[in-house]
Each structure stands twice: as structure tokens, then as C-alpha cells.
């Protein structure tokens, strides 16, 4: 079981997300995701689950912390492939 992140990408800042770039933190299981998120100081309230893609958004700094904590950093193509493997419709 593993935890992953995709590359930083440009995004539009909002009232709740004031940054200009973000990445996603996701995992093979929600339990692993929450454990790693807690390890790097992400609040559980920041967890996002639309029923398809449970994840946390990462700032550049949090992505670096995640990488130091052992997260597998993927390219955009690798992340899309991994998402398909983990979250395939049942």
C-alpha cells in the first residue's frame, strides 16, 4: 500500500485556497491517506471526497514535506494511471 502525489499545477486562487499552484495527495486506502496527511500536518477538515477521488490538496511546501515523508511523487500521466487503478468503478 502506498501514498502518492501528483505534480504541482497552476490553479485559480479563491477565498479558501489563496495559492496559485496545487497538487493532490492520494493513497491506496483512505486510512493510509489520513495517516500521512496527519504526519505532515494536514487537518482532517481539509480532506476532500466527492465519492470518486478522496484526496488532500497540497501547497508547494506541503508537497515537499510529503516527498520527504516518503510519498511516491508521480508525473501527471502516472498519477492518472494510478487514479484509474485505485478508483476504478465497481
Foldseek 3Di string as FASTA:
>chain_A
DAKEKEDWDADDADPVRRDGIKIKIADLDVVVQVVLCVVLPHDPVQWDPPPQGTIHIGDPVSVVVSVVVPHHYDYPVVVVVVSCVRRPDD
